[in-house]
PDBML (XML) file of the C-alpha atoms, coordinates in Angstrom:
<?xml version="1.0" encoding="UTF-8" ?>
<PDBx:datablock datablockName="MODEL"
   xmlns:PDBx="http://pdbml.pdb.org/schema/pdbx-v50.xsd"
   xmlns:xsi="http://www.w3.org/2001/XMLSchema-instance"
   xsi:schemaLocation="http://pdbml.pdb.org/schema/pdbx-v50.xsd pdbx-v50.xsd">
   <PDBx:atom_siteCategory>
      <PDBx:atom_site id="1">
         <PDBx:B_iso_or_equiv>0.00</PDBx:B_iso_or_equiv>
         <PDBx:Cartn_x>5.932</PDBx:Cartn_x>
         <PDBx:Cartn_y>-12.861</PDBx:Cartn_y>
         <PDBx:Cartn_z>-1.857</PDBx:Cartn_z>
         <PDBx:auth_asym_id>A</PDBx:auth_asym_id>
         <PDBx:auth_atom_id>CA</PDBx:auth_atom_id>
         <PDBx:auth_comp_id>LEU</PDBx:auth_comp_id>
         <PDBx:auth_seq_id>1</PDBx:auth_seq_id>
         <PDBx:group_PDB>ATOM</PDBx:group_PDB>
         <PDBx:label_alt_id xsi:nil="true" />
         <PDBx:label_asym_id>A</PDBx:label_asym_id>
         <PDBx:label_atom_id>CA</PDBx:label_atom_id>
         <PDBx:label_comp_id>LEU</PDBx:label_comp_id>
         <PDBx:label_entity_id>1</PDBx:label_entity_id>
         <PDBx:label_seq_id>1</PDBx:label_seq_id>
         <PDBx:occupancy>1.00</PDBx:occupancy>
         <PDBx:pdbx_PDB_model_num>1</PDBx:pdbx_PDB_model_num>
         <PDBx:type_symbol>C</PDBx:type_symbol>
      </PDBx:atom_site>
      <PDBx:atom_site id="2">
         <PDBx:B_iso_or_equiv>0.00</PDBx:B_iso_or_equiv>
         <PDBx:Cartn_x>7.547</PDBx:Cartn_x>
         <PDBx:Cartn_y>-10.440</PDBx:Cartn_y>
         <PDBx:Cartn_z>-4.396</PDBx:Cartn_z>
         <PDBx:auth_asym_id>A</PDBx:auth_asym_id>
         <PDBx:auth_atom_id>CA</PDBx:auth_atom_id>
         <PDBx:auth_comp_id>LYS</PDBx:auth_comp_id>
         <PDBx:auth_seq_id>2</PDBx:auth_seq_id>
         <PDBx:group_PDB>ATOM</PDBx:group_PDB>
         <PDBx:label_alt_id xsi:nil="true" />
         <PDBx:label_asym_id>A</PDBx:label_asym_id>
         <PDBx:label_atom_id>CA</PDBx:label_atom_id>
         <PDBx:label_comp_id>LYS</PDBx:label_comp_id>
         <PDBx:label_entity_id>1</PDBx:label_entity_id>
         <PDBx:label_seq_id>2</PDBx:label_seq_id>
         <PDBx:occupancy>1.00</PDBx:occupancy>
         <PDBx:pdbx_PDB_model_num>1</PDBx:pdbx_PDB_model_num>
         <PDBx:type_symbol>C</PDBx:type_symbol>
      </PDBx:atom_site>
      <PDBx:atom_site id="3">
         <PDBx:B_iso_or_equiv>0.00</PDBx:B_iso_or_equiv>
         <PDBx:Cartn_x>11.267</PDBx:Cartn_x>
         <PDBx:Cartn_y>-10.549</PDBx:Cartn_y>
         <PDBx:Cartn_z>-3.614</PDBx:Cartn_z>
         <PDBx:auth_asym_id>A</PDBx:auth_asym_id>
         <PDBx:auth_atom_id>CA</PDBx:auth_atom_id>
         <PDBx:auth_comp_id>GLY</PDBx:auth_comp_id>
         <PDBx:auth_seq_id>3</PDBx:auth_seq_id>
         <PDBx:group_PDB>ATOM</PDBx:group_PDB>
         <PDBx:label_alt_id xsi:nil="true" />
         <PDBx:label_asym_id>A</PDBx:label_asym_id>
         <PDBx:label_atom_id>CA</PDBx:label_atom_id>
         <PDBx:label_comp_id>GLY</PDBx:label_comp_id>
         <PDBx:label_entity_id>1</PDBx:label_entity_id>
         <PDBx:label_seq_id>3</PDBx:label_seq_id>
         <PDBx:occupancy>1.00</PDBx:occupancy>
         <PDBx:pdbx_PDB_model_num>1</PDBx:pdbx_PDB_model_num>
         <PDBx:type_symbol>C</PDBx:type_symbol>
      </PDBx:atom_site>
      <PDBx:atom_site id="4">
         <PDBx:B_iso_or_equiv>0.00</PDBx:B_iso_or_equiv>
         <PDBx:Cartn_x>14.245</PDBx:Cartn_x>
         <PDBx:Cartn_y>-8.118</PDBx:Cartn_y>
         <PDBx:Cartn_z>-3.312</PDBx:Cartn_z>
         <PDBx:auth_asym_id>A</PDBx:auth_asym_id>
         <PDBx:auth_atom_id>CA</PDBx:auth_atom_id>
         <PDBx:auth_comp_id>HIS</PDBx:auth_comp_id>
         <PDBx:auth_seq_id>4</PDBx:auth_seq_id>
         <PDBx:group_PDB>ATOM</PDBx:group_PDB>
         <PDBx:label_alt_id xsi:nil="true" />
         <PDBx:label_asym_id>A</PDBx:label_asym_id>
         <PDBx:label_atom_id>CA</PDBx:label_atom_id>
         <PDBx:label_comp_id>HIS</PDBx:label_comp_id>
         <PDBx:label_entity_id>1</PDBx:label_entity_id>
         <PDBx:label_seq_id>4</PDBx:label_seq_id>
         <PDBx:occupancy>1.00</PDBx:occupancy>
         <PDBx:pdbx_PDB_model_num>1</PDBx:pdbx_PDB_model_num>
         <PDBx:type_symbol>C</PDBx:type_symbol>
      </PDBx:atom_site>
      <PDBx:atom_site id="5">
         <PDBx:B_iso_or_equiv>0.00</PDBx:B_iso_or_equiv>
         <PDBx:Cartn_x>13.390</PDBx:Cartn_x>
         <PDBx:Cartn_y>-4.437</PDBx:Cartn_y>
         <PDBx:Cartn_z>-3.590</PDBx:Cartn_z>
         <PDBx:auth_asym_id>A</PDBx:auth_asym_id>
         <PDBx:auth_atom_id>CA</PDBx:auth_atom_id>
         <PDBx:auth_comp_id>GLY</PDBx:auth_comp_id>
         <PDBx:auth_seq_id>5</PDBx:auth_seq_id>
         <PDBx:group_PDB>ATOM</PDBx:group_PDB>
         <PDBx:label_alt_id xsi:nil="true" />
         <PDBx:label_asym_id>A</PDBx:label_asym_id>
         <PDBx:label_atom_id>CA</PDBx:label_atom_id>
         <PDBx:label_comp_id>GLY</PDBx:label_comp_id>
         <PDBx:label_entity_id>1</PDBx:label_entity_id>
         <PDBx:label_seq_id>5</PDBx:label_seq_id>
         <PDBx:occupancy>1.00</PDBx:occupancy>
         <PDBx:pdbx_PDB_model_num>1</PDBx:pdbx_PDB_model_num>
         <PDBx:type_symbol>C</PDBx:type_symbol>
      </PDBx:atom_site>
      <PDBx:atom_site id="6">
         <PDBx:B_iso_or_equiv>0.00</PDBx:B_iso_or_equiv>
         <PDBx:Cartn_x>9.801</PDBx:Cartn_x>
         <PDBx:Cartn_y>-4.894</PDBx:Cartn_y>
         <PDBx:Cartn_z>-2.616</PDBx:Cartn_z>
         <PDBx:auth_asym_id>A</PDBx:auth_asym_id>
         <PDBx:auth_atom_id>CA</PDBx:auth_atom_id>
         <PDBx:auth_comp_id>ARG</PDBx:auth_comp_id>
         <PDBx:auth_seq_id>6</PDBx:auth_seq_id>
         <PDBx:group_PDB>ATOM</PDBx:group_PDB>
         <PDBx:label_alt_id xsi:nil="true" />
         <PDBx:label_asym_id>A</PDBx:label_asym_id>
         <PDBx:label_atom_id>CA</PDBx:label_atom_id>
         <PDBx:label_comp_id>ARG</PDBx:label_comp_id>
         <PDBx:label_entity_id>1</PDBx:label_entity_id>
         <PDBx:label_seq_id>6</PDBx:label_seq_id>
         <PDBx:occupancy>1.00</PDBx:occupancy>
         <PDBx:pdbx_PDB_model_num>1</PDBx:pdbx_PDB_model_num>
         <PDBx:type_symbol>C</PDBx:type_symbol>
      </PDBx:atom_site>
      <PDBx:atom_site id="7">
         <PDBx:B_iso_or_equiv>0.00</PDBx:B_iso_or_equiv>
         <PDBx:Cartn_x>7.775</PDBx:Cartn_x>
         <PDBx:Cartn_y>-3.357</PDBx:Cartn_y>
         <PDBx:Cartn_z>-1.353</PDBx:Cartn_z>
         <PDBx:auth_asym_id>A</PDBx:auth_asym_id>
         <PDBx:auth_atom_id>CA</PDBx:auth_atom_id>
         <PDBx:auth_comp_id>PRO</PDBx:auth_comp_id>
         <PDBx:auth_seq_id>7</PDBx:auth_seq_id>
         <PDBx:group_PDB>ATOM</PDBx:group_PDB>
         <PDBx:label_alt_id xsi:nil="true" />
         <PDBx:label_asym_id>A</PDBx:label_asym_id>
         <PDBx:label_atom_id>CA</PDBx:label_atom_id>
         <PDBx:label_comp_id>PRO</PDBx:label_comp_id>
         <PDBx:label_entity_id>1</PDBx:label_entity_id>
         <PDBx:label_seq_id>7</PDBx:label_seq_id>
         <PDBx:occupancy>1.00</PDBx:occupancy>
         <PDBx:pdbx_PDB_model_num>1</PDBx:pdbx_PDB_model_num>
         <PDBx:type_symbol>C</PDBx:type_symbol>
      </PDBx:atom_site>
      <PDBx:atom_site id="8">
         <PDBx:B_iso_or_equiv>0.00</PDBx:B_iso_or_equiv>
         <PDBx:Cartn_x>8.352</PDBx:Cartn_x>
         <PDBx:Cartn_y>0.109</PDBx:Cartn_y>
         <PDBx:Cartn_z>-2.997</PDBx:Cartn_z>
         <PDBx:auth_asym_id>A</PDBx:auth_asym_id>
         <PDBx:auth_atom_id>CA</PDBx:auth_atom_id>
         <PDBx:auth_comp_id>ILE</PDBx:auth_comp_id>
         <PDBx:auth_seq_id>8</PDBx:auth_seq_id>
         <PDBx:group_PDB>ATOM</PDBx:group_PDB>
         <PDBx:label_alt_id xsi:nil="true" />
         <PDBx:label_asym_id>A</PDBx:label_asym_id>
         <PDBx:label_atom_id>CA</PDBx:label_atom_id>
         <PDBx:label_comp_id>ILE</PDBx:label_comp_id>
         <PDBx:label_entity_id>1</PDBx:label_entity_id>
         <PDBx:label_seq_id>8</PDBx:label_seq_id>
         <PDBx:occupancy>1.00</PDBx:occupancy>
         <PDBx:pdbx_PDB_model_num>1</PDBx:pdbx_PDB_model_num>
         <PDBx:type_symbol>C</PDBx:type_symbol>
      </PDBx:atom_site>
      <PDBx:atom_site id="9">
         <PDBx:B_iso_or_equiv>0.00</PDBx:B_iso_or_equiv>
         <PDBx:Cartn_x>6.302</PDBx:Cartn_x>
         <PDBx:Cartn_y>1.855</PDBx:Cartn_y>
         <PDBx:Cartn_z>-0.406</PDBx:Cartn_z>
         <PDBx:auth_asym_id>A</PDBx:auth_asym_id>
         <PDBx:auth_atom_id>CA</PDBx:auth_atom_id>
         <PDBx:auth_comp_id>MET</PDBx:auth_comp_id>
         <PDBx:auth_seq_id>9</PDBx:auth_seq_id>
         <PDBx:group_PDB>ATOM</PDBx:group_PDB>
         <PDBx:label_alt_id xsi:nil="true" />
         <PDBx:label_asym_id>A</PDBx:label_asym_id>
         <PDBx:label_atom_id>CA</PDBx:label_atom_id>
         <PDBx:label_comp_id>MET</PDBx:label_comp_id>
         <PDBx:label_entity_id>1</PDBx:label_entity_id>
         <PDBx:label_seq_id>9</PDBx:label_seq_id>
         <PDBx:occupancy>1.00</PDBx:occupancy>
         <PDBx:pdbx_PDB_model_num>1</PDBx:pdbx_PDB_model_num>
         <PDBx:type_symbol>C</PDBx:type_symbol>
      </PDBx:atom_site>
      <PDBx:atom_site id="10">
         <PDBx:B_iso_or_equiv>0.00</PDBx:B_iso_or_equiv>
         <PDBx:Cartn_x>6.041</PDBx:Cartn_x>
         <PDBx:Cartn_y>0.847</PDBx:Cartn_y>
         <PDBx:Cartn_z>3.315</PDBx:Cartn_z>
         <PDBx:auth_asym_id>A</PDBx:auth_asym_id>
         <PDBx:auth_atom_id>CA</PDBx:auth_atom_id>
         <PDBx:auth_comp_id>PRO</PDBx:auth_comp_id>
         <PDBx:auth_seq_id>10</PDBx:auth_seq_id>
         <PDBx:group_PDB>ATOM</PDBx:group_PDB>
         <PDBx:label_alt_id xsi:nil="true" />
         <PDBx:label_asym_id>A</PDBx:label_asym_id>
         <PDBx:label_atom_id>CA</PDBx:label_atom_id>
         <PDBx:label_comp_id>PRO</PDBx:label_comp_id>
         <PDBx:label_entity_id>1</PDBx:label_entity_id>
         <PDBx:label_seq_id>10</PDBx:label_seq_id>
         <PDBx:occupancy>1.00</PDBx:occupancy>
         <PDBx:pdbx_PDB_model_num>1</PDBx:pdbx_PDB_model_num>
         <PDBx:type_symbol>C</PDBx:type_symbol>
      </PDBx:atom_site>
      <PDBx:atom_site id="11">
         <PDBx:B_iso_or_equiv>0.00</PDBx:B_iso_or_equiv>
         <PDBx:Cartn_x>2.723</PDBx:Cartn_x>
         <PDBx:Cartn_y>-0.675</PDBx:Cartn_y>
         <PDBx:Cartn_z>4.503</PDBx:Cartn_z>
         <PDBx:auth_asym_id>A</PDBx:auth_asym_id>
         <PDBx:auth_atom_id>CA</PDBx:auth_atom_id>
         <PDBx:auth_comp_id>ALA</PDBx:auth_comp_id>
         <PDBx:auth_seq_id>11</PDBx:auth_seq_id>
         <PDBx:group_PDB>ATOM</PDBx:group_PDB>
         <PDBx:label_alt_id xsi:nil="true" />
         <PDBx:label_asym_id>A</PDBx:label_asym_id>
         <PDBx:label_atom_id>CA</PDBx:label_atom_id>
         <PDBx:label_comp_id>ALA</PDBx:label_comp_id>
         <PDBx:label_entity_id>1</PDBx:label_entity_id>
         <PDBx:label_seq_id>11</PDBx:label_seq_id>
         <PDBx:occupancy>1.00</PDBx:occupancy>
         <PDBx:pdbx_PDB_model_num>1</PDBx:pdbx_PDB_model_num>
         <PDBx:type_symbol>C</PDBx:type_symbol>
      </PDBx:atom_site>
      <PDBx:atom_site id="12">
         <PDBx:B_iso_or_equiv>0.00</PDBx:B_iso_or_equiv>
         <PDBx:Cartn_x>1.590</PDBx:Cartn_x>
         <PDBx:Cartn_y>2.467</PDBx:Cartn_y>
         <PDBx:Cartn_z>6.311</PDBx:Cartn_z>
         <PDBx:auth_asym_id>A</PDBx:auth_asym_id>
         <PDBx:auth_atom_id>CA</PDBx:auth_atom_id>
         <PDBx:auth_comp_id>ASP</PDBx:auth_comp_id>
         <PDBx:auth_seq_id>12</PDBx:auth_seq_id>
         <PDBx:group_PDB>ATOM</PDBx:group_PDB>
         <PDBx:label_alt_id xsi:nil="true" />
         <PDBx:label_asym_id>A</PDBx:label_asym_id>
         <PDBx:label_atom_id>CA</PDBx:label_atom_id>
         <PDBx:label_comp_id>ASP</PDBx:label_comp_id>
         <PDBx:label_entity_id>1</PDBx:label_entity_id>
         <PDBx:label_seq_id>12</PDBx:label_seq_id>
         <PDBx:occupancy>1.00</PDBx:occupancy>
         <PDBx:pdbx_PDB_model_num>1</PDBx:pdbx_PDB_model_num>
         <PDBx:type_symbol>C</PDBx:type_symbol>
      </PDBx:atom_site>
      <PDBx:atom_site id="13">
         <PDBx:B_iso_or_equiv>0.00</PDBx:B_iso_or_equiv>
         <PDBx:Cartn_x>1.847</PDBx:Cartn_x>
         <PDBx:Cartn_y>4.519</PDBx:Cartn_y>
         <PDBx:Cartn_z>3.102</PDBx:Cartn_z>
         <PDBx:auth_asym_id>A</PDBx:auth_asym_id>
         <PDBx:auth_atom_id>CA</PDBx:auth_atom_id>
         <PDBx:auth_comp_id>GLU</PDBx:auth_comp_id>
         <PDBx:auth_seq_id>13</PDBx:auth_seq_id>
         <PDBx:group_PDB>ATOM</PDBx:group_PDB>
         <PDBx:label_alt_id xsi:nil="true" />
         <PDBx:label_asym_id>A</PDBx:label_asym_id>
         <PDBx:label_atom_id>CA</PDBx:label_atom_id>
         <PDBx:label_comp_id>GLU</PDBx:label_comp_id>
         <PDBx:label_entity_id>1</PDBx:label_entity_id>
         <PDBx:label_seq_id>13</PDBx:label_seq_id>
         <PDBx:occupancy>1.00</PDBx:occupancy>
         <PDBx:pdbx_PDB_model_num>1</PDBx:pdbx_PDB_model_num>
         <PDBx:type_symbol>C</PDBx:type_symbol>
      </PDBx:atom_site>
      <PDBx:atom_site id="14">
         <PDBx:B_iso_or_equiv>0.00</PDBx:B_iso_or_equiv>
         <PDBx:Cartn_x>0.249</PDBx:Cartn_x>
         <PDBx:Cartn_y>1.703</PDBx:Cartn_y>
         <PDBx:Cartn_z>1.023</PDBx:Cartn_z>
         <PDBx:auth_asym_id>A</PDBx:auth_asym_id>
         <PDBx:auth_atom_id>CA</PDBx:auth_atom_id>
         <PDBx:auth_comp_id>ARG</PDBx:auth_comp_id>
         <PDBx:auth_seq_id>14</PDBx:auth_seq_id>
         <PDBx:group_PDB>ATOM</PDBx:group_PDB>
         <PDBx:label_alt_id xsi:nil="true" />
         <PDBx:label_asym_id>A</PDBx:label_asym_id>
         <PDBx:label_atom_id>CA</PDBx:label_atom_id>
         <PDBx:label_comp_id>ARG</PDBx:label_comp_id>
         <PDBx:label_entity_id>1</PDBx:label_entity_id>
         <PDBx:label_seq_id>14</PDBx:label_seq_id>
         <PDBx:occupancy>1.00</PDBx:occupancy>
         <PDBx:pdbx_PDB_model_num>1</PDBx:pdbx_PDB_model_num>
         <PDBx:type_symbol>C</PDBx:type_symbol>
      </PDBx:atom_site>
      <PDBx:atom_site id="15">
         <PDBx:B_iso_or_equiv>0.00</PDBx:B_iso_or_equiv>
         <PDBx:Cartn_x>-2.561</PDBx:Cartn_x>
         <PDBx:Cartn_y>1.635</PDBx:Cartn_y>
         <PDBx:Cartn_z>3.502</PDBx:Cartn_z>
         <PDBx:auth_asym_id>A</PDBx:auth_asym_id>
         <PDBx:auth_atom_id>CA</PDBx:auth_atom_id>
         <PDBx:auth_comp_id>ALA</PDBx:auth_comp_id>
         <PDBx:auth_seq_id>15</PDBx:auth_seq_id>
         <PDBx:group_PDB>ATOM</PDBx:group_PDB>
         <PDBx:label_alt_id xsi:nil="true" />
         <PDBx:label_asym_id>A</PDBx:label_asym_id>
         <PDBx:label_atom_id>CA</PDBx:label_atom_id>
         <PDBx:label_comp_id>ALA</PDBx:label_comp_id>
         <PDBx:label_entity_id>1</PDBx:label_entity_id>
         <PDBx:label_seq_id>15</PDBx:label_seq_id>
         <PDBx:occupancy>1.00</PDBx:occupancy>
         <PDBx:pdbx_PDB_model_num>1</PDBx:pdbx_PDB_model_num>
         <PDBx:type_symbol>C</PDBx:type_symbol>
      </PDBx:atom_site>
      <PDBx:atom_site id="16">
         <PDBx:B_iso_or_equiv>0.00</PDBx:B_iso_or_equiv>
         <PDBx:Cartn_x>-3.063</PDBx:Cartn_x>
         <PDBx:Cartn_y>5.421</PDBx:Cartn_y>
         <PDBx:Cartn_z>3.330</PDBx:Cartn_z>
         <PDBx:auth_asym_id>A</PDBx:auth_asym_id>
         <PDBx:auth_atom_id>CA</PDBx:auth_atom_id>
         <PDBx:auth_comp_id>ARG</PDBx:auth_comp_id>
         <PDBx:auth_seq_id>16</PDBx:auth_seq_id>
         <PDBx:group_PDB>ATOM</PDBx:group_PDB>
         <PDBx:label_alt_id xsi:nil="true" />
         <PDBx:label_asym_id>A</PDBx:label_asym_id>
         <PDBx:label_atom_id>CA</PDBx:label_atom_id>
         <PDBx:label_comp_id>ARG</PDBx:label_comp_id>
         <PDBx:label_entity_id>1</PDBx:label_entity_id>
         <PDBx:label_seq_id>16</PDBx:label_seq_id>
         <PDBx:occupancy>1.00</PDBx:occupancy>
         <PDBx:pdbx_PDB_model_num>1</PDBx:pdbx_PDB_model_num>
         <PDBx:type_symbol>C</PDBx:type_symbol>
      </PDBx:atom_site>
      <PDBx:atom_site id="17">
         <PDBx:B_iso_or_equiv>0.00</PDBx:B_iso_or_equiv>
         <PDBx:Cartn_x>-3.249</PDBx:Cartn_x>
         <PDBx:Cartn_y>5.338</PDBx:Cartn_y>
         <PDBx:Cartn_z>-0.404</PDBx:Cartn_z>
         <PDBx:auth_asym_id>A</PDBx:auth_asym_id>
         <PDBx:auth_atom_id>CA</PDBx:auth_atom_id>
         <PDBx:auth_comp_id>VAL</PDBx:auth_comp_id>
         <PDBx:auth_seq_id>17</PDBx:auth_seq_id>
         <PDBx:group_PDB>ATOM</PDBx:group_PDB>
         <PDBx:label_alt_id xsi:nil="true" />
         <PDBx:label_asym_id>A</PDBx:label_asym_id>
         <PDBx:label_atom_id>CA</PDBx:label_atom_id>
         <PDBx:label_comp_id>VAL</PDBx:label_comp_id>
         <PDBx:label_entity_id>1</PDBx:label_entity_id>
         <PDBx:label_seq_id>17</PDBx:label_seq_id>
         <PDBx:occupancy>1.00</PDBx:occupancy>
         <PDBx:pdbx_PDB_model_num>1</PDBx:pdbx_PDB_model_num>
         <PDBx:type_symbol>C</PDBx:type_symbol>
      </PDBx:atom_site>
      <PDBx:atom_site id="18">
         <PDBx:B_iso_or_equiv>0.00</PDBx:B_iso_or_equiv>
         <PDBx:Cartn_x>-5.863</PDBx:Cartn_x>
         <PDBx:Cartn_y>2.491</PDBx:Cartn_y>
         <PDBx:Cartn_z>-0.400</PDBx:Cartn_z>
         <PDBx:auth_asym_id>A</PDBx:auth_asym_id>
         <PDBx:auth_atom_id>CA</PDBx:auth_atom_id>
         <PDBx:auth_comp_id>VAL</PDBx:auth_comp_id>
         <PDBx:auth_seq_id>18</PDBx:auth_seq_id>
         <PDBx:group_PDB>ATOM</PDBx:group_PDB>
         <PDBx:label_alt_id xsi:nil="true" />
         <PDBx:label_asym_id>A</PDBx:label_asym_id>
         <PDBx:label_atom_id>CA</PDBx:label_atom_id>
         <PDBx:label_comp_id>VAL</PDBx:label_comp_id>
         <PDBx:label_entity_id>1</PDBx:label_entity_id>
         <PDBx:label_seq_id>18</PDBx:label_seq_id>
         <PDBx:occupancy>1.00</PDBx:occupancy>
         <PDBx:pdbx_PDB_model_num>1</PDBx:pdbx_PDB_model_num>
         <PDBx:type_symbol>C</PDBx:type_symbol>
      </PDBx:atom_site>
      <PDBx:atom_site id="19">
         <PDBx:B_iso_or_equiv>0.00</PDBx:B_iso_or_equiv>
         <PDBx:Cartn_x>-7.907</PDBx:Cartn_x>
         <PDBx:Cartn_y>4.128</PDBx:Cartn_y>
         <PDBx:Cartn_z>2.301</PDBx:Cartn_z>
         <PDBx:auth_asym_id>A</PDBx:auth_asym_id>
         <PDBx:auth_atom_id>CA</PDBx:auth_atom_id>
         <PDBx:auth_comp_id>ALA</PDBx:auth_comp_id>
         <PDBx:auth_seq_id>19</PDBx:auth_seq_id>
         <PDBx:group_PDB>ATOM</PDBx:group_PDB>
         <PDBx:label_alt_id xsi:nil="true" />
         <PDBx:label_asym_id>A</PDBx:label_asym_id>
         <PDBx:label_atom_id>CA</PDBx:label_atom_id>
         <PDBx:label_comp_id>ALA</PDBx:label_comp_id>
         <PDBx:label_entity_id>1</PDBx:label_entity_id>
         <PDBx:label_seq_id>19</PDBx:label_seq_id>
         <PDBx:occupancy>1.00</PDBx:occupancy>
         <PDBx:pdbx_PDB_model_num>1</PDBx:pdbx_PDB_model_num>
         <PDBx:type_symbol>C</PDBx:type_symbol>
      </PDBx:atom_site>
      <PDBx:atom_site id="20">
         <PDBx:B_iso_or_equiv>0.00</PDBx:B_iso_or_equiv>
         <PDBx:Cartn_x>-8.164</PDBx:Cartn_x>
         <PDBx:Cartn_y>7.337</PDBx:Cartn_y>
         <PDBx:Cartn_z>0.304</PDBx:Cartn_z>
         <PDBx:auth_asym_id>A</PDBx:auth_asym_id>
         <PDBx:auth_atom_id>CA</PDBx:auth_atom_id>
         <PDBx:auth_comp_id>ALA</PDBx:auth_comp_id>
         <PDBx:auth_seq_id>20</PDBx:auth_seq_id>
         <PDBx:group_PDB>ATOM</PDBx:group_PDB>
         <PDBx:label_alt_id xsi:nil="true" />
         <PDBx:label_asym_id>A</PDBx:label_asym_id>
         <PDBx:label_atom_id>CA</PDBx:label_atom_id>
         <PDBx:label_comp_id>ALA</PDBx:label_comp_id>
         <PDBx:label_entity_id>1</PDBx:label_entity_id>
         <PDBx:label_seq_id>20</PDBx:label_seq_id>
         <PDBx:occupancy>1.00</PDBx:occupancy>
         <PDBx:pdbx_PDB_model_num>1</PDBx:pdbx_PDB_model_num>
         <PDBx:type_symbol>C</PDBx:type_symbol>
      </PDBx:atom_site>
      <PDBx:atom_site id="21">
         <PDBx:B_iso_or_equiv>0.00</PDBx:B_iso_or_equiv>
         <PDBx:Cartn_x>-10.112</PDBx:Cartn_x>
         <PDBx:Cartn_y>5.456</PDBx:Cartn_y>
         <PDBx:Cartn_z>-2.428</PDBx:Cartn_z>
         <PDBx:auth_asym_id>A</PDBx:auth_asym_id>
         <PDBx:auth_atom_id>CA</PDBx:auth_atom_id>
         <PDBx:auth_comp_id>LEU</PDBx:auth_comp_id>
         <PDBx:auth_seq_id>21</PDBx:auth_seq_id>
         <PDBx:group_PDB>ATOM</PDBx:group_PDB>
         <PDBx:label_alt_id xsi:nil="true" />
         <PDBx:label_asym_id>A</PDBx:label_asym_id>
         <PDBx:label_atom_id>CA</PDBx:label_atom_id>
         <PDBx:label_comp_id>LEU</PDBx:label_comp_id>
         <PDBx:label_entity_id>1</PDBx:label_entity_id>
         <PDBx:label_seq_id>21</PDBx:label_seq_id>
         <PDBx:occupancy>1.00</PDBx:occupancy>
         <PDBx:pdbx_PDB_model_num>1</PDBx:pdbx_PDB_model_num>
         <PDBx:type_symbol>C</PDBx:type_symbol>
      </PDBx:atom_site>
      <PDBx:atom_site id="22">
         <PDBx:B_iso_or_equiv>0.00</PDBx:B_iso_or_equiv>
         <PDBx:Cartn_x>-13.783</PDBx:Cartn_x>
         <PDBx:Cartn_y>6.182</PDBx:Cartn_y>
         <PDBx:Cartn_z>-2.254</PDBx:Cartn_z>
         <PDBx:auth_asym_id>A</PDBx:auth_asym_id>
         <PDBx:auth_atom_id>CA</PDBx:auth_atom_id>
         <PDBx:auth_comp_id>GLY</PDBx:auth_comp_id>
         <PDBx:auth_seq_id>22</PDBx:auth_seq_id>
         <PDBx:group_PDB>ATOM</PDBx:group_PDB>
         <PDBx:label_alt_id xsi:nil="true" />
         <PDBx:label_asym_id>A</PDBx:label_asym_id>
         <PDBx:label_atom_id>CA</PDBx:label_atom_id>
         <PDBx:label_comp_id>GLY</PDBx:label_comp_id>
         <PDBx:label_entity_id>1</PDBx:label_entity_id>
         <PDBx:label_seq_id>22</PDBx:label_seq_id>
         <PDBx:occupancy>1.00</PDBx:occupancy>
         <PDBx:pdbx_PDB_model_num>1</PDBx:pdbx_PDB_model_num>
         <PDBx:type_symbol>C</PDBx:type_symbol>
      </PDBx:atom_site>
      <PDBx:atom_site id="23">
         <PDBx:B_iso_or_equiv>0.00</PDBx:B_iso_or_equiv>
         <PDBx:Cartn_x>-14.836</PDBx:Cartn_x>
         <PDBx:Cartn_y>2.535</PDBx:Cartn_y>
         <PDBx:Cartn_z>-2.525</PDBx:Cartn_z>
         <PDBx:auth_asym_id>A</PDBx:auth_asym_id>
         <PDBx:auth_atom_id>CA</PDBx:auth_atom_id>
         <PDBx:auth_comp_id>VAL</PDBx:auth_comp_id>
         <PDBx:auth_seq_id>23</PDBx:auth_seq_id>
         <PDBx:group_PDB>ATOM</PDBx:group_PDB>
         <PDBx:label_alt_id xsi:nil="true" />
         <PDBx:label_asym_id>A</PDBx:label_asym_id>
         <PDBx:label_atom_id>CA</PDBx:label_atom_id>
         <PDBx:label_comp_id>VAL</PDBx:label_comp_id>
         <PDBx:label_entity_id>1</PDBx:label_entity_id>
         <PDBx:label_seq_id>23</PDBx:label_seq_id>
         <PDBx:occupancy>1.00</PDBx:occupancy>
         <PDBx:pdbx_PDB_model_num>1</PDBx:pdbx_PDB_model_num>
         <PDBx:type_symbol>C</PDBx:type_symbol>
      </PDBx:atom_site>
      <PDBx:atom_site id="24">
         <PDBx:B_iso_or_equiv>0.00</PDBx:B_iso_or_equiv>
         <PDBx:Cartn_x>-12.878</PDBx:Cartn_x>
         <PDBx:Cartn_y>1.547</PDBx:Cartn_y>
         <PDBx:Cartn_z>0.557</PDBx:Cartn_z>
         <PDBx:auth_asym_id>A</PDBx:auth_asym_id>
         <PDBx:auth_atom_id>CA</PDBx:auth_atom_id>
         <PDBx:auth_comp_id>VAL</PDBx:auth_comp_id>
         <PDBx:auth_seq_id>24</PDBx:auth_seq_id>
         <PDBx:group_PDB>ATOM</PDBx:group_PDB>
         <PDBx:label_alt_id xsi:nil="true" />
         <PDBx:label_asym_id>A</PDBx:label_asym_id>
         <PDBx:label_atom_id>CA</PDBx:label_atom_id>
         <PDBx:label_comp_id>VAL</PDBx:label_comp_id>
         <PDBx:label_entity_id>1</PDBx:label_entity_id>
         <PDBx:label_seq_id>24</PDBx:label_seq_id>
         <PDBx:occupancy>1.00</PDBx:occupancy>
         <PDBx:pdbx_PDB_model_num>1</PDBx:pdbx_PDB_model_num>
         <PDBx:type_symbol>C</PDBx:type_symbol>
      </PDBx:atom_site>
      <PDBx:atom_site id="25">
         <PDBx:B_iso_or_equiv>0.00</PDBx:B_iso_or_equiv>
         <PDBx:Cartn_x>-14.643</PDBx:Cartn_x>
         <PDBx:Cartn_y>1.762</PDBx:Cartn_y>
         <PDBx:Cartn_z>3.903</PDBx:Cartn_z>
         <PDBx:auth_asym_id>A</PDBx:auth_asym_id>
         <PDBx:auth_atom_id>CA</PDBx:auth_atom_id>
         <PDBx:auth_comp_id>ASP</PDBx:auth_comp_id>
         <PDBx:auth_seq_id>25</PDBx:auth_seq_id>
         <PDBx:group_PDB>ATOM</PDBx:group_PDB>
         <PDBx:label_alt_id xsi:nil="true" />
         <PDBx:label_asym_id>A</PDBx:label_asym_id>
         <PDBx:label_atom_id>CA</PDBx:label_atom_id>
         <PDBx:label_comp_id>ASP</PDBx:label_comp_id>
         <PDBx:label_entity_id>1</PDBx:label_entity_id>
         <PDBx:label_seq_id>25</PDBx:label_seq_id>
         <PDBx:occupancy>1.00</PDBx:occupancy>
         <PDBx:pdbx_PDB_model_num>1</PDBx:pdbx_PDB_model_num>
         <PDBx:type_symbol>C</PDBx:type_symbol>
      </PDBx:atom_site>
   </PDBx:atom_siteCategory>
</PDBx:datablock>
């Protein structure tokens, strides 16, 4: 979707950051 050099962070790290947000169940 985004091209060369993406993602900046791997999926497991992106998921961990998103899961830490209080609005996410």
